[in-house]
Amino acid sequence: MFTLAQARHMIATLRPRIDELIRLRADLAELRVDLADRGTSPFGGLAEVKSLEARIFGLLEELTGHDIQVKGFAPVLLDFPGERDGRPVLWCWLEGDDDVGWYHRVECGFQGRRRV
């Protein structure tokens, strides 16, 4: 369980790893499109696809290893289990957010997001 302060601290601490995930995701997308369109890419070939996939998977495992729920990859959507007013909630961070500024009740999902 995370408090809001702990979720915010975790985002700040892991931000370089999240930024790396986003960069690798973009590299992989470009590599795949180049290979599909032209059969070649400045990013490499099939070996580089597999390497990028492995690095991305490793970063996702690192996040889940901190008890963070990875709900999305493109865009990155992270949930931190917590409690608010005695109810189970998920503190919610979406790629592009500066901070953890949203939450939703567990049973409501993303569509139930509210500002903190």
N, C-alpha and C. Protein backbone atom coordinates (compact mmCIF):
# COMPACT_ATOMS: atom_id res chain seq x y z
N MET A 1 0.85 -1.19 0.00
CA MET A 1 0.00 0.00 0.00
C MET A 1 0.89 1.24 0.00
N PHE A 2 0.51 2.20 -0.80
CA PHE A 2 1.23 3.46 -0.91
C PHE A 2 0.38 4.58 -0.36
N THR A 3 0.99 5.50 0.37
CA THR A 3 0.34 6.76 0.63
C THR A 3 0.53 7.61 -0.62
N LEU A 4 -0.20 8.71 -0.72
CA LEU A 4 -0.03 9.60 -1.86
C LEU A 4 1.41 10.10 -1.89
N ALA A 5 1.96 10.48 -0.74
CA ALA A 5 3.34 10.97 -0.68
C ALA A 5 4.32 9.90 -1.16
N GLN A 6 4.10 8.66 -0.79
CA GLN A 6 4.98 7.58 -1.22
C GLN A 6 4.88 7.35 -2.73
N ALA A 7 3.68 7.41 -3.28
CA ALA A 7 3.50 7.25 -4.72
C ALA A 7 4.22 8.37 -5.46
N ARG A 8 4.08 9.59 -4.97
CA ARG A 8 4.77 10.74 -5.60
C ARG A 8 6.28 10.58 -5.51
N HIS A 9 6.76 10.12 -4.37
CA HIS A 9 8.20 9.90 -4.22
C HIS A 9 8.68 8.82 -5.17
N MET A 10 7.91 7.77 -5.31
CA MET A 10 8.29 6.66 -6.19
C MET A 10 8.36 7.13 -7.65
N ILE A 11 7.41 7.93 -8.07
CA ILE A 11 7.45 8.47 -9.44
C ILE A 11 8.70 9.32 -9.63
N ALA A 12 8.99 10.19 -8.67
CA ALA A 12 10.18 11.05 -8.77
C ALA A 12 11.45 10.21 -8.81
N THR A 13 11.50 9.19 -7.99
CA THR A 13 12.69 8.33 -7.93
C THR A 13 12.86 7.52 -9.20
N LEU A 14 11.78 7.00 -9.74
CA LEU A 14 11.84 6.13 -10.91
C LEU A 14 11.73 6.89 -12.23
N ARG A 15 11.59 8.19 -12.18
CA ARG A 15 11.38 8.97 -13.41
C ARG A 15 12.45 8.71 -14.48
N PRO A 16 13.74 8.62 -14.12
CA PRO A 16 14.72 8.31 -15.17
C PRO A 16 14.46 6.95 -15.83
N ARG A 17 14.01 5.98 -15.08
CA ARG A 17 13.73 4.65 -15.64
C ARG A 17 12.47 4.71 -16.52
N ILE A 18 11.48 5.49 -16.10
CA ILE A 18 10.25 5.64 -16.89
C ILE A 18 10.57 6.37 -18.20
N ASP A 19 11.40 7.41 -18.12
CA ASP A 19 11.81 8.13 -19.33
C ASP A 19 12.58 7.21 -20.27
N GLU A 20 13.40 6.34 -19.72
CA GLU A 20 14.12 5.37 -20.54
C GLU A 20 13.14 4.41 -21.22
N LEU A 21 12.13 3.97 -20.50
CA LEU A 21 11.10 3.11 -21.06
C LEU A 21 10.42 3.78 -22.24
N ILE A 22 10.08 5.04 -22.09
CA ILE A 22 9.40 5.79 -23.16
C ILE A 22 10.32 5.93 -24.38
N ARG A 23 11.59 6.21 -24.13
CA ARG A 23 12.55 6.34 -25.23
C ARG A 23 12.72 5.00 -25.96
N LEU A 24 12.87 3.92 -25.20
CA LEU A 24 13.03 2.60 -25.81
C LEU A 24 11.80 2.21 -26.61
N ARG A 25 10.63 2.54 -26.08
CA ARG A 25 9.37 2.24 -26.78
C ARG A 25 9.35 2.94 -28.14
N ALA A 26 9.78 4.21 -28.18
CA ALA A 26 9.81 4.97 -29.43
C ALA A 26 10.84 4.38 -30.40
N ASP A 27 12.02 4.02 -29.87
CA ASP A 27 13.04 3.39 -30.72
C ASP A 27 12.51 2.10 -31.33
N LEU A 28 11.84 1.30 -30.52
CA LEU A 28 11.31 0.03 -31.01
C LEU A 28 10.23 0.27 -32.07
N ALA A 29 9.38 1.24 -31.86
CA ALA A 29 8.33 1.54 -32.84
C ALA A 29 8.95 1.95 -34.18
N GLU A 30 9.94 2.84 -34.14
CA GLU A 30 10.59 3.28 -35.38
C GLU A 30 11.31 2.12 -36.06
N LEU A 31 12.00 1.32 -35.27
CA LEU A 31 12.72 0.18 -35.83
C LEU A 31 11.77 -0.77 -36.53
N ARG A 32 10.66 -1.09 -35.88
CA ARG A 32 9.69 -2.02 -36.49
C ARG A 32 9.11 -1.45 -37.79
N VAL A 33 8.77 -0.15 -37.78
CA VAL A 33 8.21 0.46 -38.99
C VAL A 33 9.24 0.47 -40.11
N ASP A 34 10.48 0.86 -39.80
CA ASP A 34 11.53 0.87 -40.81
C ASP A 34 11.72 -0.52 -41.41
N LEU A 35 11.80 -1.52 -40.57
CA LEU A 35 12.02 -2.88 -41.06
C LEU A 35 10.85 -3.36 -41.91
N ALA A 36 9.64 -3.01 -41.51
CA ALA A 36 8.46 -3.42 -42.28
C ALA A 36 8.40 -2.69 -43.62
N ASP A 37 8.75 -1.40 -43.62
CA ASP A 37 8.65 -0.59 -44.84
C ASP A 37 9.82 -0.80 -45.80
N ARG A 38 11.04 -0.83 -45.24
CA ARG A 38 12.22 -0.83 -46.09
C ARG A 38 13.12 -2.05 -45.91
N GLY A 39 12.87 -2.82 -44.86
CA GLY A 39 13.72 -3.97 -44.59
C GLY A 39 15.03 -3.61 -43.92
N THR A 40 15.24 -2.32 -43.66
CA THR A 40 16.46 -1.85 -43.01
C THR A 40 16.12 -0.65 -42.14
N SER A 41 16.98 -0.41 -41.16
CA SER A 41 16.75 0.71 -40.24
C SER A 41 18.08 1.18 -39.66
N PRO A 42 18.19 2.49 -39.41
CA PRO A 42 19.39 2.97 -38.72
C PRO A 42 19.47 2.44 -37.28
N PHE A 43 18.35 1.94 -36.76
CA PHE A 43 18.33 1.38 -35.41
C PHE A 43 18.80 -0.07 -35.37
N GLY A 44 18.95 -0.71 -36.55
CA GLY A 44 19.44 -2.08 -36.58
C GLY A 44 18.47 -3.01 -37.27
N GLY A 45 18.49 -4.28 -36.80
CA GLY A 45 17.66 -5.31 -37.40
C GLY A 45 16.94 -6.11 -36.34
N LEU A 46 16.69 -7.36 -36.66
CA LEU A 46 15.93 -8.23 -35.76
C LEU A 46 16.61 -8.39 -34.40
N ALA A 47 17.93 -8.48 -34.39
CA ALA A 47 18.64 -8.61 -33.11
C ALA A 47 18.37 -7.40 -32.22
N GLU A 48 18.32 -6.22 -32.81
CA GLU A 48 18.06 -5.00 -32.03
C GLU A 48 16.60 -4.94 -31.57
N VAL A 49 15.69 -5.48 -32.38
CA VAL A 49 14.28 -5.59 -31.96
C VAL A 49 14.22 -6.41 -30.68
N LYS A 50 14.84 -7.58 -30.72
CA LYS A 50 14.82 -8.47 -29.55
C LYS A 50 15.50 -7.83 -28.35
N SER A 51 16.58 -7.12 -28.58
CA SER A 51 17.29 -6.44 -27.49
C SER A 51 16.42 -5.35 -26.86
N LEU A 52 15.77 -4.54 -27.70
CA LEU A 52 14.89 -3.49 -27.18
C LEU A 52 13.73 -4.10 -26.41
N GLU A 53 13.14 -5.16 -26.96
CA GLU A 53 12.03 -5.82 -26.26
C GLU A 53 12.48 -6.32 -24.89
N ALA A 54 13.66 -6.91 -24.83
CA ALA A 54 14.17 -7.42 -23.56
C ALA A 54 14.42 -6.29 -22.56
N ARG A 55 14.97 -5.19 -23.03
CA ARG A 55 15.22 -4.06 -22.13
C ARG A 55 13.91 -3.46 -21.63
N ILE A 56 12.93 -3.35 -22.52
CA ILE A 56 11.62 -2.84 -22.12
C ILE A 56 10.98 -3.77 -21.09
N PHE A 57 11.02 -5.06 -21.36
CA PHE A 57 10.45 -6.04 -20.43
C PHE A 57 11.14 -5.93 -19.07
N GLY A 58 12.45 -5.75 -19.06
CA GLY A 58 13.18 -5.60 -17.82
C GLY A 58 12.74 -4.37 -17.03
N LEU A 59 12.51 -3.27 -17.72
CA LEU A 59 12.04 -2.06 -17.04
C LEU A 59 10.64 -2.25 -16.49
N LEU A 60 9.78 -2.91 -17.24
CA LEU A 60 8.43 -3.18 -16.75
C LEU A 60 8.46 -4.08 -15.52
N GLU A 61 9.34 -5.08 -15.54
CA GLU A 61 9.50 -5.96 -14.37
C GLU A 61 10.03 -5.17 -13.17
N GLU A 62 10.94 -4.22 -13.42
CA GLU A 62 11.45 -3.39 -12.34
C GLU A 62 10.32 -2.60 -11.68
N LEU A 63 9.45 -2.03 -12.50
CA LEU A 63 8.33 -1.26 -11.95
C LEU A 63 7.41 -2.16 -11.12
N THR A 64 7.05 -3.31 -11.66
CA THR A 64 6.16 -4.21 -10.91
C THR A 64 6.84 -4.75 -9.67
N GLY A 65 8.16 -4.81 -9.68
CA GLY A 65 8.91 -5.24 -8.51
C GLY A 65 8.80 -4.29 -7.34
N HIS A 66 8.37 -3.06 -7.63
CA HIS A 66 8.13 -2.06 -6.58
C HIS A 66 6.66 -2.05 -6.16
N ASP A 67 5.91 -3.06 -6.57
CA ASP A 67 4.47 -3.18 -6.30
C ASP A 67 3.65 -2.12 -7.02
N ILE A 68 4.19 -1.60 -8.11
CA ILE A 68 3.47 -0.67 -8.97
C ILE A 68 2.72 -1.50 -10.01
N GLN A 69 1.48 -1.14 -10.27
CA GLN A 69 0.70 -1.83 -11.29
C GLN A 69 0.87 -1.10 -12.61
N VAL A 70 1.41 -1.79 -13.60
CA VAL A 70 1.56 -1.20 -14.93
C VAL A 70 0.28 -1.51 -15.69
N LYS A 71 -0.51 -0.48 -15.95
CA LYS A 71 -1.81 -0.66 -16.60
C LYS A 71 -1.76 -0.31 -18.08
N GLY A 72 -0.71 0.38 -18.49
CA GLY A 72 -0.58 0.74 -19.89
C GLY A 72 0.86 0.95 -20.25
N PHE A 73 1.13 0.77 -21.55
CA PHE A 73 2.50 0.87 -22.04
C PHE A 73 2.63 2.00 -23.05
N ALA A 74 1.57 2.30 -23.77
CA ALA A 74 1.59 3.37 -24.77
C ALA A 74 0.22 4.04 -24.79
N PRO A 75 0.01 5.02 -23.95
CA PRO A 75 0.95 5.66 -23.04
C PRO A 75 1.16 4.84 -21.76
N VAL A 76 2.25 5.17 -21.06
CA VAL A 76 2.54 4.52 -19.79
C VAL A 76 1.49 4.96 -18.77
N LEU A 77 0.88 3.99 -18.13
CA LEU A 77 -0.11 4.24 -17.09
C LEU A 77 0.24 3.38 -15.89
N LEU A 78 0.50 4.03 -14.76
CA LEU A 78 0.92 3.35 -13.55
C LEU A 78 -0.07 3.61 -12.43
N ASP A 79 -0.39 2.57 -11.69
CA ASP A 79 -1.26 2.67 -10.52
C ASP A 79 -0.51 2.20 -9.29
N PHE A 80 -0.76 2.89 -8.19
CA PHE A 80 -0.14 2.61 -6.90
C PHE A 80 -1.26 2.30 -5.91
N PRO A 81 -1.39 1.05 -5.47
CA PRO A 81 -2.45 0.72 -4.52
C PRO A 81 -2.32 1.53 -3.24
N GLY A 82 -3.43 2.07 -2.79
CA GLY A 82 -3.45 2.86 -1.57
C GLY A 82 -4.83 2.91 -0.96
N GLU A 83 -5.01 3.89 -0.11
CA GLU A 83 -6.28 4.06 0.58
C GLU A 83 -6.57 5.55 0.71
N ARG A 84 -7.83 5.90 0.54
CA ARG A 84 -8.29 7.28 0.71
C ARG A 84 -9.64 7.24 1.39
N ASP A 85 -9.75 7.95 2.48
CA ASP A 85 -11.00 8.00 3.25
C ASP A 85 -11.52 6.59 3.58
N GLY A 86 -10.59 5.69 3.90
CA GLY A 86 -10.97 4.34 4.30
C GLY A 86 -11.34 3.40 3.17
N ARG A 87 -11.20 3.86 1.93
CA ARG A 87 -11.54 3.03 0.77
C ARG A 87 -10.28 2.69 -0.01
N PRO A 88 -10.22 1.49 -0.57
CA PRO A 88 -9.09 1.16 -1.43
C PRO A 88 -9.15 2.00 -2.71
N VAL A 89 -8.02 2.59 -3.05
CA VAL A 89 -7.91 3.39 -4.27
C VAL A 89 -6.61 3.03 -4.98
N LEU A 90 -6.50 3.52 -6.18
CA LEU A 90 -5.25 3.44 -6.93
C LEU A 90 -4.83 4.87 -7.24
N TRP A 91 -3.67 5.26 -6.71
CA TRP A 91 -3.08 6.54 -7.07
C TRP A 91 -2.58 6.38 -8.50
N CYS A 92 -2.93 7.29 -9.36
CA CYS A 92 -2.80 7.07 -10.80
C CYS A 92 -1.84 8.08 -11.43
N TRP A 93 -0.88 7.58 -12.20
CA TRP A 93 0.03 8.43 -12.96
C TRP A 93 -0.03 8.01 -14.42
N LEU A 94 -0.25 8.99 -15.29
CA LEU A 94 -0.33 8.77 -16.73
C LEU A 94 0.80 9.54 -17.40
N GLU A 95 1.44 8.88 -18.35
CA GLU A 95 2.51 9.53 -19.10
C GLU A 95 2.09 10.94 -19.50
N GLY A 96 2.94 11.90 -19.21
CA GLY A 96 2.64 13.30 -19.47
C GLY A 96 2.30 14.06 -18.21
N ASP A 97 1.86 13.35 -17.16
CA ASP A 97 1.58 13.99 -15.87
C ASP A 97 2.90 14.38 -15.22
N ASP A 98 2.91 15.54 -14.57
CA ASP A 98 4.10 15.98 -13.84
C ASP A 98 4.25 15.23 -12.52
N ASP A 99 3.13 14.82 -11.95
CA ASP A 99 3.13 14.25 -10.62
C ASP A 99 1.93 13.30 -10.52
N VAL A 100 1.83 12.59 -9.42
CA VAL A 100 0.65 11.76 -9.16
C VAL A 100 -0.43 12.72 -8.67
N GLY A 101 -1.34 13.06 -9.54
CA GLY A 101 -2.37 14.03 -9.20
C GLY A 101 -3.78 13.48 -9.33
N TRP A 102 -3.89 12.18 -9.54
CA TRP A 102 -5.19 11.54 -9.76
C TRP A 102 -5.29 10.27 -8.93
N TYR A 103 -6.49 9.84 -8.70
CA TYR A 103 -6.76 8.56 -8.06
C TYR A 103 -8.09 8.05 -8.58
N HIS A 104 -8.34 6.78 -8.38
CA HIS A 104 -9.66 6.24 -8.66
C HIS A 104 -9.90 5.06 -7.74
N ARG A 105 -11.15 4.84 -7.41
CA ARG A 105 -11.50 3.67 -6.63
C ARG A 105 -11.14 2.43 -7.43
N VAL A 106 -10.74 1.40 -6.75
CA VAL A 106 -10.29 0.18 -7.40
C VAL A 106 -11.36 -0.36 -8.35
N GLU A 107 -12.59 -0.38 -7.90
CA GLU A 107 -13.66 -0.98 -8.70
C GLU A 107 -14.15 -0.09 -9.85
N CYS A 108 -13.72 1.16 -9.89
CA CYS A 108 -14.18 2.09 -10.93
C CYS A 108 -13.25 2.14 -12.14
N GLY A 109 -12.00 1.79 -11.96
CA GLY A 109 -11.06 1.83 -13.07
C GLY A 109 -10.74 3.24 -13.52
N PHE A 110 -10.03 3.32 -14.63
CA PHE A 110 -9.53 4.59 -15.15
C PHE A 110 -10.64 5.61 -15.37
N GLN A 111 -11.80 5.16 -15.82
CA GLN A 111 -12.90 6.09 -16.10
C GLN A 111 -13.41 6.76 -14.84
N GLY A 112 -13.05 6.25 -13.66
CA GLY A 112 -13.44 6.86 -12.40
C GLY A 112 -12.38 7.80 -11.82
N ARG A 113 -11.39 8.15 -12.63
CA ARG A 113 -10.30 9.03 -12.15
C ARG A 113 -10.83 10.36 -11.63
N ARG A 114 -10.26 10.77 -10.51
CA ARG A 114 -10.58 12.07 -9.93
C ARG A 114 -9.27 12.75 -9.53
N ARG A 115 -9.29 14.06 -9.53
CA ARG A 115 -8.13 14.80 -9.06
C ARG A 115 -7.97 14.61 -7.56
N VAL A 116 -6.73 14.54 -7.12
CA VAL A 116 -6.42 14.39 -5.71
C VAL A 116 -6.89 15.63 -4.97
